[in-house]
Amino acid sequence: MMNLDMDKYLAIRKAQHNGARTVDELKSMTQFEIENDEELKNVEIVLKNACRCKNVSIEDVLNAVNSGFTTLDEVMSETGAGTGCGICKGLVESIITNKR
């Protein structure tokens, strides 16, 4: 993991489950404060990532959804997201549902 403490990392992931995809959306949904440019860079990296274990981006998941993979199992099979520890499955489902 980057140089984010676990509480901040988990706050980002929770906001992502609720639809946050940008720093502005993250800030509007949480009490999240970015302390410096390095932390901003790390936050942006986490926001682009759907599955840390398999290094699958949100864009990868969206591409699968836009190509016709519409269930969690289909997207997992196509991208690998959710096939490691499984913690990201809720986020992947959110991306499928919201198509963003």
Protein backbone atom coordinates (compact mmCIF):
# COMPACT_ATOMS: atom_id res chain seq x y z
CA MET A 1 0.00 0.00 0.00
CA MET A 2 1.13 3.53 -0.56
CA ASN A 3 1.91 5.97 2.22
CA LEU A 4 -1.69 6.20 3.43
CA ASP A 5 -2.58 5.12 6.91
CA MET A 6 -5.11 2.31 7.12
CA ASP A 7 -7.95 4.54 8.37
CA LYS A 8 -7.63 6.81 5.33
CA TYR A 9 -7.33 3.86 2.96
CA LEU A 10 -10.48 2.29 4.40
CA ALA A 11 -12.33 5.63 4.23
CA ILE A 12 -11.51 5.86 0.52
CA ARG A 13 -12.65 2.29 -0.11
CA LYS A 14 -15.91 2.88 1.79
CA ALA A 15 -16.58 6.03 -0.24
CA GLN A 16 -15.84 4.09 -3.43
CA HIS A 17 -18.46 1.51 -2.45
CA ASN A 18 -20.86 4.43 -2.15
CA GLY A 19 -19.99 5.74 -5.60
CA ALA A 20 -17.03 8.09 -5.11
CA ARG A 21 -14.71 8.00 -8.12
CA THR A 22 -12.93 11.36 -7.85
CA VAL A 23 -11.19 13.35 -5.12
CA ASP A 24 -14.02 15.90 -5.16
CA GLU A 25 -16.63 13.16 -4.74
CA LEU A 26 -14.55 11.63 -1.94
CA LYS A 27 -14.39 14.98 -0.14
CA SER A 28 -18.12 15.62 -0.57
CA MET A 29 -19.03 12.20 0.83
CA THR A 30 -16.61 12.14 3.78
CA GLN A 31 -14.66 14.28 6.21
CA PHE A 32 -11.53 13.34 4.26
CA GLU A 33 -8.74 15.91 4.29
CA ILE A 34 -5.70 15.60 2.07
CA GLU A 35 -2.62 16.82 3.88
CA ASN A 36 -0.09 17.28 1.06
CA ASP A 37 0.68 16.64 -2.61
CA GLU A 38 2.12 13.18 -1.96
CA GLU A 39 -1.02 12.13 -0.13
CA LEU A 40 -3.14 13.52 -2.98
CA LYS A 41 -1.17 11.41 -5.45
CA ASN A 42 -1.71 8.30 -3.30
CA VAL A 43 -5.43 9.01 -2.93
CA GLU A 44 -5.76 9.35 -6.70
CA ILE A 45 -4.01 5.98 -7.16
CA VAL A 46 -6.43 4.27 -4.77
CA LEU A 47 -9.43 5.92 -6.44
CA LYS A 48 -8.40 4.50 -9.83
CA ASN A 49 -7.96 0.98 -8.47
CA ALA A 50 -10.80 -1.52 -8.04
CA CYS A 51 -8.79 -4.56 -6.91
CA ARG A 52 -5.46 -4.16 -5.20
CA CYS A 53 -4.64 -7.88 -5.09
CA LYS A 54 -4.92 -8.33 -8.84
CA ASN A 55 -4.09 -4.72 -9.78
CA VAL A 56 -7.36 -4.23 -11.67
CA SER A 57 -8.42 -0.65 -12.32
CA ILE A 58 -11.92 0.75 -12.19
CA GLU A 59 -11.47 1.43 -15.92
CA ASP A 60 -10.77 -2.30 -16.48
CA VAL A 61 -13.99 -3.21 -14.69
CA LEU A 62 -15.96 -0.58 -16.62
CA ASN A 63 -14.54 -1.84 -19.91
CA ALA A 64 -15.76 -5.34 -19.01
CA VAL A 65 -19.22 -4.01 -18.09
CA ASN A 66 -19.41 -1.98 -21.30
CA SER A 67 -18.42 -5.11 -23.25
CA GLY A 68 -21.45 -6.97 -21.92
CA PHE A 69 -20.19 -8.61 -18.73
CA THR A 70 -23.01 -7.74 -16.34
CA THR A 71 -22.73 -10.02 -13.32
CA LEU A 72 -20.14 -10.11 -10.59
CA ASP A 73 -19.02 -13.61 -11.62
CA GLU A 74 -18.65 -12.56 -15.27
CA VAL A 75 -16.64 -9.44 -14.40
CA MET A 76 -14.47 -11.39 -11.97
CA SER A 77 -13.75 -14.00 -14.62
CA GLU A 78 -13.00 -11.38 -17.28
CA THR A 79 -10.84 -9.02 -15.19
CA GLY A 80 -9.58 -11.03 -12.22
CA ALA A 81 -11.00 -8.42 -9.83
CA GLY A 82 -12.34 -10.02 -6.67
CA THR A 83 -10.50 -13.30 -7.22
CA GLY A 84 -7.76 -12.60 -4.66
CA CYS A 85 -8.83 -11.77 -1.12
CA GLY A 86 -12.35 -10.81 -2.25
CA ILE A 87 -12.60 -7.59 -0.25
CA CYS A 88 -13.22 -5.57 -3.42
CA LYS A 89 -16.29 -7.55 -4.52
CA GLY A 90 -18.64 -4.91 -3.10
CA LEU A 91 -16.83 -2.19 -5.03
CA VAL A 92 -16.95 -4.26 -8.23
CA GLU A 93 -20.70 -4.77 -7.72
CA SER A 94 -21.08 -1.00 -7.23
CA ILE A 95 -19.26 -0.34 -10.50
CA ILE A 96 -21.47 -2.88 -12.30
CA THR A 97 -24.65 -1.38 -10.86
CA ASN A 98 -23.74 2.28 -11.39
CA LYS A 99 -21.75 1.75 -14.60
CA ARG A 100 -19.15 4.19 -13.24
